[in-house]
């Protein structure tokens, strides 16, 4: 994280108390879409259905924790890639649910 952002988050939440969703870099919808080679609309739909974790800005935009996206990319590579359709959505759901269980 950026030093200034680190200090602000520590001030708001206390040292070591920053929520995991905010602790690392946050990606924009466009960046996630490029990584998975799908449309921005597909990424937004995955987020709306809870299949990819996201946080909302005060303006209503979604941001995606880079570490969670990285895990999904690794899982998609292991399973032959995402196609943006039902297979991709199901894989995202499985990975996100698997993370919540641990």
N, C-alpha and C. Protein backbone atom coordinates (compact mmCIF):
# COMPACT_ATOMS: atom_id res chain seq x y z
N UNK A 1 0.83 -1.19 0.00
CA UNK A 1 0.00 0.00 0.00
C UNK A 1 0.87 1.24 0.00
N UNK A 2 0.27 2.34 -0.37
CA UNK A 2 0.97 3.61 -0.36
C UNK A 2 1.17 4.05 1.08
N UNK A 3 2.32 4.66 1.40
CA UNK A 3 2.60 5.06 2.79
C UNK A 3 1.53 5.98 3.38
N UNK A 4 1.07 6.96 2.62
CA UNK A 4 0.06 7.88 3.14
C UNK A 4 -1.25 7.13 3.41
N UNK A 5 -1.65 6.27 2.49
CA UNK A 5 -2.88 5.50 2.67
C UNK A 5 -2.75 4.58 3.88
N UNK A 6 -1.58 3.95 4.04
CA UNK A 6 -1.33 3.08 5.20
C UNK A 6 -1.56 3.83 6.51
N UNK A 7 -0.99 5.00 6.59
CA UNK A 7 -1.10 5.76 7.84
C UNK A 7 -2.53 6.22 8.08
N UNK A 8 -3.24 6.60 7.03
CA UNK A 8 -4.64 7.01 7.20
C UNK A 8 -5.52 5.85 7.65
N UNK A 9 -5.32 4.68 7.04
CA UNK A 9 -6.10 3.51 7.44
C UNK A 9 -5.79 3.10 8.88
N UNK A 10 -4.51 3.17 9.25
CA UNK A 10 -4.12 2.84 10.63
C UNK A 10 -4.74 3.83 11.61
N UNK A 11 -4.81 5.08 11.21
CA UNK A 11 -5.42 6.10 12.08
C UNK A 11 -6.92 5.85 12.25
N UNK A 12 -7.57 5.47 11.17
CA UNK A 12 -9.02 5.22 11.23
C UNK A 12 -9.38 3.95 11.97
N UNK A 13 -8.64 2.87 11.72
CA UNK A 13 -9.00 1.57 12.23
C UNK A 13 -8.10 1.05 13.35
N UNK A 14 -6.95 1.65 13.52
CA UNK A 14 -5.98 1.15 14.48
C UNK A 14 -5.00 0.22 13.79
N UNK A 15 -3.80 0.15 14.31
CA UNK A 15 -2.75 -0.68 13.72
C UNK A 15 -3.17 -2.15 13.75
N UNK A 16 -3.12 -2.82 12.61
CA UNK A 16 -3.48 -4.23 12.52
C UNK A 16 -4.97 -4.50 12.52
N UNK A 17 -5.79 -3.47 12.52
CA UNK A 17 -7.25 -3.65 12.57
C UNK A 17 -7.94 -3.29 11.25
N UNK A 18 -7.17 -3.00 10.20
CA UNK A 18 -7.74 -2.61 8.92
C UNK A 18 -8.48 -3.82 8.31
N UNK A 19 -9.73 -3.63 7.89
CA UNK A 19 -10.48 -4.73 7.28
C UNK A 19 -9.73 -5.27 6.06
N UNK A 20 -9.71 -6.59 5.88
CA UNK A 20 -8.98 -7.19 4.75
C UNK A 20 -9.37 -6.62 3.39
N UNK A 21 -10.65 -6.30 3.22
CA UNK A 21 -11.10 -5.77 1.93
C UNK A 21 -10.46 -4.43 1.60
N UNK A 22 -9.97 -3.71 2.59
CA UNK A 22 -9.36 -2.40 2.36
C UNK A 22 -7.86 -2.41 2.50
N UNK A 23 -7.29 -3.51 2.95
CA UNK A 23 -5.87 -3.55 3.29
C UNK A 23 -4.94 -3.43 2.09
N UNK A 24 -5.30 -3.96 0.95
CA UNK A 24 -4.41 -3.95 -0.21
C UNK A 24 -4.89 -3.01 -1.29
N UNK A 25 -4.31 -3.18 -2.46
CA UNK A 25 -4.69 -2.37 -3.61
C UNK A 25 -6.09 -2.74 -4.06
N UNK A 26 -6.83 -1.74 -4.51
CA UNK A 26 -8.17 -1.96 -5.04
C UNK A 26 -8.17 -1.69 -6.54
N UNK A 27 -8.73 -2.62 -7.31
CA UNK A 27 -8.76 -2.52 -8.76
C UNK A 27 -10.10 -1.97 -9.24
N UNK A 28 -10.07 -1.26 -10.34
CA UNK A 28 -11.30 -0.77 -10.97
C UNK A 28 -11.94 -1.88 -11.79
N UNK A 29 -13.22 -1.71 -12.10
CA UNK A 29 -13.95 -2.69 -12.89
C UNK A 29 -13.25 -2.94 -14.22
N UNK A 30 -12.80 -1.89 -14.86
CA UNK A 30 -12.12 -2.02 -16.16
C UNK A 30 -10.87 -2.90 -16.05
N UNK A 31 -10.12 -2.72 -14.98
CA UNK A 31 -8.90 -3.51 -14.79
C UNK A 31 -9.22 -4.99 -14.61
N UNK A 32 -10.25 -5.29 -13.82
CA UNK A 32 -10.64 -6.68 -13.60
C UNK A 32 -11.14 -7.29 -14.91
N UNK A 33 -11.91 -6.54 -15.67
CA UNK A 33 -12.41 -7.03 -16.95
C UNK A 33 -11.25 -7.35 -17.89
N UNK A 34 -10.24 -6.51 -17.93
CA UNK A 34 -9.08 -6.77 -18.78
C UNK A 34 -8.34 -8.03 -18.33
N UNK A 35 -8.19 -8.21 -17.03
CA UNK A 35 -7.49 -9.39 -16.53
C UNK A 35 -8.20 -10.69 -16.91
N UNK A 36 -9.54 -10.69 -16.82
CA UNK A 36 -10.30 -11.90 -17.12
C UNK A 36 -10.74 -11.98 -18.58
N UNK A 37 -10.45 -10.93 -19.35
CA UNK A 37 -10.83 -10.85 -20.76
C UNK A 37 -12.34 -11.01 -20.95
N UNK A 38 -13.08 -10.26 -20.14
CA UNK A 38 -14.53 -10.19 -20.23
C UNK A 38 -14.94 -8.73 -20.26
N UNK A 39 -16.21 -8.47 -20.44
CA UNK A 39 -16.68 -7.09 -20.46
C UNK A 39 -16.80 -6.54 -19.03
N UNK A 40 -16.80 -5.22 -18.94
CA UNK A 40 -17.00 -4.58 -17.64
C UNK A 40 -18.37 -4.94 -17.09
N UNK A 41 -19.33 -5.09 -17.96
CA UNK A 41 -20.68 -5.46 -17.53
C UNK A 41 -20.69 -6.83 -16.87
N UNK A 42 -19.90 -7.77 -17.40
CA UNK A 42 -19.81 -9.11 -16.81
C UNK A 42 -19.23 -9.03 -15.40
N UNK A 43 -18.18 -8.25 -15.23
CA UNK A 43 -17.56 -8.10 -13.91
C UNK A 43 -18.57 -7.48 -12.94
N UNK A 44 -19.28 -6.45 -13.38
CA UNK A 44 -20.28 -5.81 -12.53
C UNK A 44 -21.38 -6.79 -12.13
N UNK A 45 -21.77 -7.66 -13.06
CA UNK A 45 -22.80 -8.66 -12.77
C UNK A 45 -22.28 -9.68 -11.76
N UNK A 46 -21.02 -10.12 -11.90
CA UNK A 46 -20.43 -11.03 -10.93
C UNK A 46 -20.48 -10.39 -9.54
N UNK A 47 -20.12 -9.12 -9.46
CA UNK A 47 -20.11 -8.42 -8.16
C UNK A 47 -21.53 -8.29 -7.61
N UNK A 48 -22.46 -7.94 -8.47
CA UNK A 48 -23.86 -7.76 -8.03
C UNK A 48 -24.41 -9.06 -7.45
N UNK A 49 -24.00 -10.18 -8.02
CA UNK A 49 -24.46 -11.49 -7.54
C UNK A 49 -23.62 -12.04 -6.41
N UNK A 50 -22.60 -11.29 -5.99
CA UNK A 50 -21.77 -11.72 -4.88
C UNK A 50 -20.75 -12.77 -5.25
N UNK A 51 -20.44 -12.90 -6.52
CA UNK A 51 -19.51 -13.93 -6.97
C UNK A 51 -18.08 -13.45 -7.03
N UNK A 52 -17.88 -12.17 -6.89
CA UNK A 52 -16.54 -11.60 -6.78
C UNK A 52 -16.64 -10.49 -5.73
N UNK A 53 -15.75 -10.48 -4.76
CA UNK A 53 -15.85 -9.49 -3.69
C UNK A 53 -15.55 -8.08 -4.20
N UNK A 54 -16.30 -7.12 -3.68
CA UNK A 54 -16.08 -5.73 -4.07
C UNK A 54 -16.49 -4.81 -2.92
N UNK A 55 -16.00 -3.59 -3.01
CA UNK A 55 -16.43 -2.53 -2.09
C UNK A 55 -16.96 -1.40 -2.94
N UNK A 56 -17.85 -0.60 -2.37
CA UNK A 56 -18.45 0.52 -3.10
C UNK A 56 -17.84 1.83 -2.63
N UNK A 57 -17.60 2.70 -3.60
CA UNK A 57 -17.16 4.06 -3.26
C UNK A 57 -18.40 4.88 -2.90
N UNK A 58 -18.22 6.03 -2.27
CA UNK A 58 -19.39 6.88 -1.99
C UNK A 58 -20.17 7.26 -3.25
N UNK A 59 -19.49 7.28 -4.39
CA UNK A 59 -20.15 7.60 -5.66
C UNK A 59 -20.84 6.42 -6.31
N UNK A 60 -20.77 5.24 -5.67
CA UNK A 60 -21.46 4.06 -6.18
C UNK A 60 -20.64 3.16 -7.07
N UNK A 61 -19.38 3.51 -7.33
CA UNK A 61 -18.52 2.67 -8.16
C UNK A 61 -18.02 1.48 -7.34
N UNK A 62 -17.71 0.40 -8.02
CA UNK A 62 -17.18 -0.78 -7.34
C UNK A 62 -15.66 -0.83 -7.49
N UNK A 63 -15.01 -1.27 -6.44
CA UNK A 63 -13.57 -1.54 -6.45
C UNK A 63 -13.38 -2.96 -5.95
N UNK A 64 -12.36 -3.63 -6.48
CA UNK A 64 -12.15 -5.04 -6.21
C UNK A 64 -10.79 -5.26 -5.57
N UNK A 65 -10.73 -5.96 -4.43
CA UNK A 65 -9.43 -6.21 -3.78
C UNK A 65 -8.51 -7.00 -4.70
N UNK A 66 -7.34 -6.45 -4.98
CA UNK A 66 -6.40 -7.07 -5.91
C UNK A 66 -6.02 -8.49 -5.48
N UNK A 67 -5.85 -8.71 -4.21
CA UNK A 67 -5.45 -10.05 -3.75
C UNK A 67 -6.54 -11.08 -4.05
N UNK A 68 -7.80 -10.71 -3.88
CA UNK A 68 -8.91 -11.63 -4.20
C UNK A 68 -8.98 -11.89 -5.70
N UNK A 69 -8.75 -10.86 -6.50
CA UNK A 69 -8.75 -11.02 -7.95
C UNK A 69 -7.61 -11.94 -8.36
N UNK A 70 -6.44 -11.78 -7.73
CA UNK A 70 -5.29 -12.63 -8.03
C UNK A 70 -5.64 -14.10 -7.76
N UNK A 71 -6.29 -14.37 -6.64
CA UNK A 71 -6.69 -15.74 -6.30
C UNK A 71 -7.64 -16.31 -7.34
N UNK A 72 -8.57 -15.49 -7.80
CA UNK A 72 -9.52 -15.94 -8.81
C UNK A 72 -8.82 -16.22 -10.14
N UNK A 73 -7.85 -15.39 -10.49
CA UNK A 73 -7.09 -15.62 -11.72
C UNK A 73 -6.31 -16.93 -11.66
N UNK A 74 -5.68 -17.18 -10.52
CA UNK A 74 -4.93 -18.43 -10.35
C UNK A 74 -5.87 -19.62 -10.46
N UNK A 75 -7.03 -19.53 -9.81
CA UNK A 75 -8.00 -20.62 -9.86
C UNK A 75 -8.54 -20.82 -11.28
N UNK A 76 -8.77 -19.72 -11.99
CA UNK A 76 -9.30 -19.84 -13.35
C UNK A 76 -8.27 -20.47 -14.28
N UNK A 77 -6.99 -20.14 -14.08
CA UNK A 77 -5.93 -20.74 -14.89
C UNK A 77 -5.86 -22.25 -14.64
N UNK A 78 -6.00 -22.64 -13.40
CA UNK A 78 -5.95 -24.05 -13.04
C UNK A 78 -7.12 -24.83 -13.64
N UNK A 79 -8.23 -24.13 -13.90
CA UNK A 79 -9.41 -24.79 -14.43
C UNK A 79 -9.64 -24.50 -15.91
N UNK A 80 -8.60 -24.08 -16.61
CA UNK A 80 -8.72 -23.88 -18.05
C UNK A 80 -9.24 -22.53 -18.47
N UNK A 81 -9.28 -21.57 -17.59
CA UNK A 81 -9.68 -20.21 -17.95
C UNK A 81 -11.16 -19.95 -17.75
N UNK A 82 -11.48 -18.68 -17.76
CA UNK A 82 -12.87 -18.25 -17.63
C UNK A 82 -13.40 -17.89 -19.01
N UNK A 83 -14.64 -18.19 -19.26
CA UNK A 83 -15.22 -17.84 -20.55
C UNK A 83 -16.21 -16.68 -20.43
N UNK A 84 -16.38 -16.15 -19.21
CA UNK A 84 -17.29 -15.03 -19.03
C UNK A 84 -18.74 -15.44 -18.89
N UNK A 85 -19.06 -16.69 -19.10
CA UNK A 85 -20.43 -17.16 -19.02
C UNK A 85 -20.68 -17.90 -17.73
N UNK A 86 -21.49 -18.95 -17.81
CA UNK A 86 -21.84 -19.71 -16.62
C UNK A 86 -20.63 -20.37 -15.98
N UNK A 87 -19.69 -20.86 -16.80
CA UNK A 87 -18.50 -21.49 -16.25
C UNK A 87 -17.72 -20.49 -15.40
N UNK A 88 -17.52 -19.29 -15.93
CA UNK A 88 -16.78 -18.27 -15.19
C UNK A 88 -17.49 -17.87 -13.92
N UNK A 89 -18.78 -17.68 -14.00
CA UNK A 89 -19.54 -17.29 -12.82
C UNK A 89 -19.52 -18.39 -11.77
N UNK A 90 -19.64 -19.64 -12.20
CA UNK A 90 -19.63 -20.76 -11.25
C UNK A 90 -18.26 -20.89 -10.59
N UNK A 91 -17.18 -20.74 -11.36
CA UNK A 91 -15.84 -20.81 -10.80
C UNK A 91 -15.63 -19.70 -9.78
N UNK A 92 -16.04 -18.49 -10.13
CA UNK A 92 -15.91 -17.39 -9.17
C UNK A 92 -16.66 -17.70 -7.89
N UNK A 93 -17.85 -18.22 -8.02
CA UNK A 93 -18.66 -18.55 -6.85
C UNK A 93 -17.95 -19.60 -5.98
N UNK A 94 -17.39 -20.61 -6.61
CA UNK A 94 -16.69 -21.67 -5.87
C UNK A 94 -15.48 -21.12 -5.13
N UNK A 95 -14.70 -20.28 -5.80
CA UNK A 95 -13.49 -19.74 -5.17
C UNK A 95 -13.85 -18.82 -4.02
N UNK A 96 -14.81 -17.93 -4.23
CA UNK A 96 -15.22 -17.01 -3.16
C UNK A 96 -15.78 -17.78 -1.98
N UNK A 97 -16.64 -18.75 -2.22
CA UNK A 97 -17.19 -19.54 -1.13
C UNK A 97 -16.11 -20.32 -0.41
N UNK A 98 -15.16 -20.85 -1.16
CA UNK A 98 -14.05 -21.60 -0.55
C UNK A 98 -13.22 -20.71 0.36
N UNK A 99 -13.01 -19.47 -0.01
CA UNK A 99 -12.26 -18.52 0.82
C UNK A 99 -13.02 -18.20 2.10
N UNK A 100 -14.33 -18.10 2.02
CA UNK A 100 -15.13 -17.76 3.20
C UNK A 100 -15.11 -18.89 4.22
N UNK A 101 -14.94 -20.13 3.76
CA UNK A 101 -14.93 -21.28 4.67
C UNK A 101 -13.64 -21.35 5.46
N UNK A 102 -12.54 -20.77 4.95
CA UNK A 102 -11.23 -20.88 5.62
C UNK A 102 -11.03 -19.78 6.61
